[in-house]
Amino acid sequence: MFIAFVPIALAAHLLVAAPGGLPGIDIQKSCHESSDAVSGSTTGNDFDACVEDEKDASAQLAKGWASFPVADKARCVNAAIYLPSYVEWLTCIEGESTLRRIRKESGAAPPG
């Protein structure tokens, strides 16, 4: 039950508004807090890996941000559902794109 509360608690102070652009996240704080919430401690290797993953995902999101559908951005960059994490946002946006492609190839209509 505690883990379910973490995304909402973290979201309030880690997101930084960016008009029309990719929202900013305090990666250092996010990596510390998510590691603490899940495992109870932050090791140097876990923290460093988290920071690198977040930086890579941020760069990929920033590169394609203007081309991502608005609906995908609204669905995936949602602090009530996802942790403020570039990795989670990128995974969600990529998943939405893959789902659209699969539906198109199979001729399935998108959900209404």
Protein backbone atom coordinates (compact mmCIF):
# COMPACT_ATOMS: atom_id res chain seq x y z
CA MET A 1 0.00 0.00 0.00
CA PHE A 2 2.89 2.37 0.72
CA ILE A 3 4.37 1.93 -2.77
CA ALA A 4 1.06 2.98 -4.38
CA PHE A 5 1.29 6.28 -2.51
CA VAL A 6 4.87 7.00 -3.59
CA PRO A 7 4.10 8.29 -7.13
CA ILE A 8 1.68 10.90 -5.83
CA ALA A 9 3.95 11.97 -3.01
CA LEU A 10 6.99 12.26 -5.27
CA ALA A 11 5.15 14.00 -8.08
CA ALA A 12 4.36 17.10 -6.11
CA HIS A 13 7.94 18.25 -5.76
CA LEU A 14 9.89 16.65 -8.61
CA LEU A 15 8.12 17.96 -11.72
CA VAL A 16 9.07 21.33 -13.14
CA ALA A 17 6.72 22.98 -15.61
CA ALA A 18 8.09 23.46 -19.10
CA PRO A 19 5.60 25.29 -21.33
CA GLY A 20 5.21 23.30 -24.51
CA GLY A 21 8.27 21.21 -23.78
CA LEU A 22 9.35 18.17 -21.85
CA PRO A 23 8.65 18.69 -18.13
CA GLY A 24 11.75 18.79 -16.00
CA ILE A 25 12.46 16.27 -13.28
CA ASP A 26 14.97 16.55 -10.46
CA ILE A 27 16.73 13.33 -11.47
CA GLN A 28 19.05 13.24 -8.47
CA LYS A 29 16.19 13.58 -6.00
CA SER A 30 13.96 11.19 -7.92
CA CYS A 31 16.64 8.47 -8.00
CA HIS A 32 17.37 8.88 -4.29
CA GLU A 33 13.72 8.80 -3.28
CA SER A 34 12.64 5.95 -5.54
CA SER A 35 15.54 3.79 -4.36
CA ASP A 36 14.80 4.62 -0.74
CA ALA A 37 11.09 3.84 -1.13
CA VAL A 38 11.66 0.49 -2.83
CA SER A 39 14.70 -0.94 -1.10
CA GLY A 40 15.13 1.20 1.99
CA SER A 41 18.58 2.37 0.96
CA THR A 42 20.44 3.90 -1.93
CA THR A 43 23.70 2.31 -2.99
CA GLY A 44 26.16 4.18 -5.16
CA ASN A 45 25.84 1.74 -8.06
CA ASP A 46 22.02 1.74 -8.02
CA PHE A 47 21.91 5.51 -7.81
CA ASP A 48 24.48 6.00 -10.59
CA ALA A 49 22.65 3.54 -12.85
CA CYS A 50 19.35 5.29 -12.17
CA VAL A 51 20.80 8.71 -13.01
CA GLU A 52 22.35 7.44 -16.25
CA ASP A 53 19.13 5.71 -17.30
CA GLU A 54 17.12 8.86 -16.57
CA LYS A 55 19.58 11.04 -18.53
CA ASP A 56 19.44 8.70 -21.54
CA ALA A 57 15.64 8.57 -21.47
CA SER A 58 15.44 12.35 -21.08
CA ALA A 59 17.64 12.85 -24.14
CA GLN A 60 15.47 10.47 -26.20
CA LEU A 61 12.27 12.16 -25.05
CA ALA A 62 13.63 15.65 -25.72
CA LYS A 63 14.71 14.62 -29.22
CA GLY A 64 11.27 13.34 -30.18
CA TRP A 65 9.03 15.43 -27.91
CA ALA A 66 7.57 17.62 -30.67
CA SER A 67 6.67 14.59 -32.78
CA PHE A 68 4.95 12.53 -30.06
CA PRO A 69 1.14 12.63 -30.23
CA VAL A 70 -0.39 15.00 -27.68
CA ALA A 71 -2.66 12.22 -26.40
CA ASP A 72 0.37 10.00 -25.69
CA LYS A 73 2.14 12.78 -23.81
CA ALA A 74 -0.98 13.54 -21.76
CA ARG A 75 -1.52 9.86 -20.95
CA CYS A 76 2.10 9.02 -20.17
CA VAL A 77 3.32 12.16 -18.40
CA ASN A 78 0.75 11.83 -15.66
CA ALA A 79 2.01 12.04 -12.10
CA ALA A 80 -1.16 10.41 -10.74
CA ILE A 81 -0.32 7.22 -12.67
CA TYR A 82 3.45 7.20 -13.27
CA LEU A 83 6.38 8.22 -11.15
CA PRO A 84 8.04 11.36 -12.37
CA SER A 85 10.56 9.37 -14.37
CA TYR A 86 11.85 9.89 -17.89
CA VAL A 87 12.35 6.14 -18.17
CA GLU A 88 8.71 5.42 -17.30
CA TRP A 89 7.46 8.17 -19.62
CA LEU A 90 9.59 6.95 -22.52
CA THR A 91 8.48 3.36 -21.97
CA CYS A 92 4.85 4.44 -21.94
CA ILE A 93 5.16 6.60 -25.08
CA GLU A 94 7.00 3.83 -26.93
CA GLY A 95 4.31 1.36 -25.83
CA GLU A 96 1.55 3.63 -27.12
CA SER A 97 3.32 3.91 -30.47
CA THR A 98 3.79 0.14 -30.70
CA LEU A 99 0.16 -0.48 -29.83
CA ARG A 100 -1.01 1.92 -32.55
CA ARG A 101 1.23 0.19 -35.10
CA ILE A 102 -0.05 -3.28 -34.12
CA ARG A 103 -3.64 -2.14 -34.35
CA LYS A 104 -3.01 -0.56 -37.74
CA GLU A 105 -1.31 -3.70 -39.09
CA SER A 106 -4.07 -5.96 -37.78
CA GLY A 107 -6.87 -3.67 -38.93
CA ALA A 108 -8.21 -3.39 -35.39
CA ALA A 109 -10.05 -0.19 -34.55
CA PRO A 110 -8.60 1.89 -31.72
CA PRO A 111 -10.64 1.94 -28.50
CA GLY A 112 -13.38 4.55 -28.57
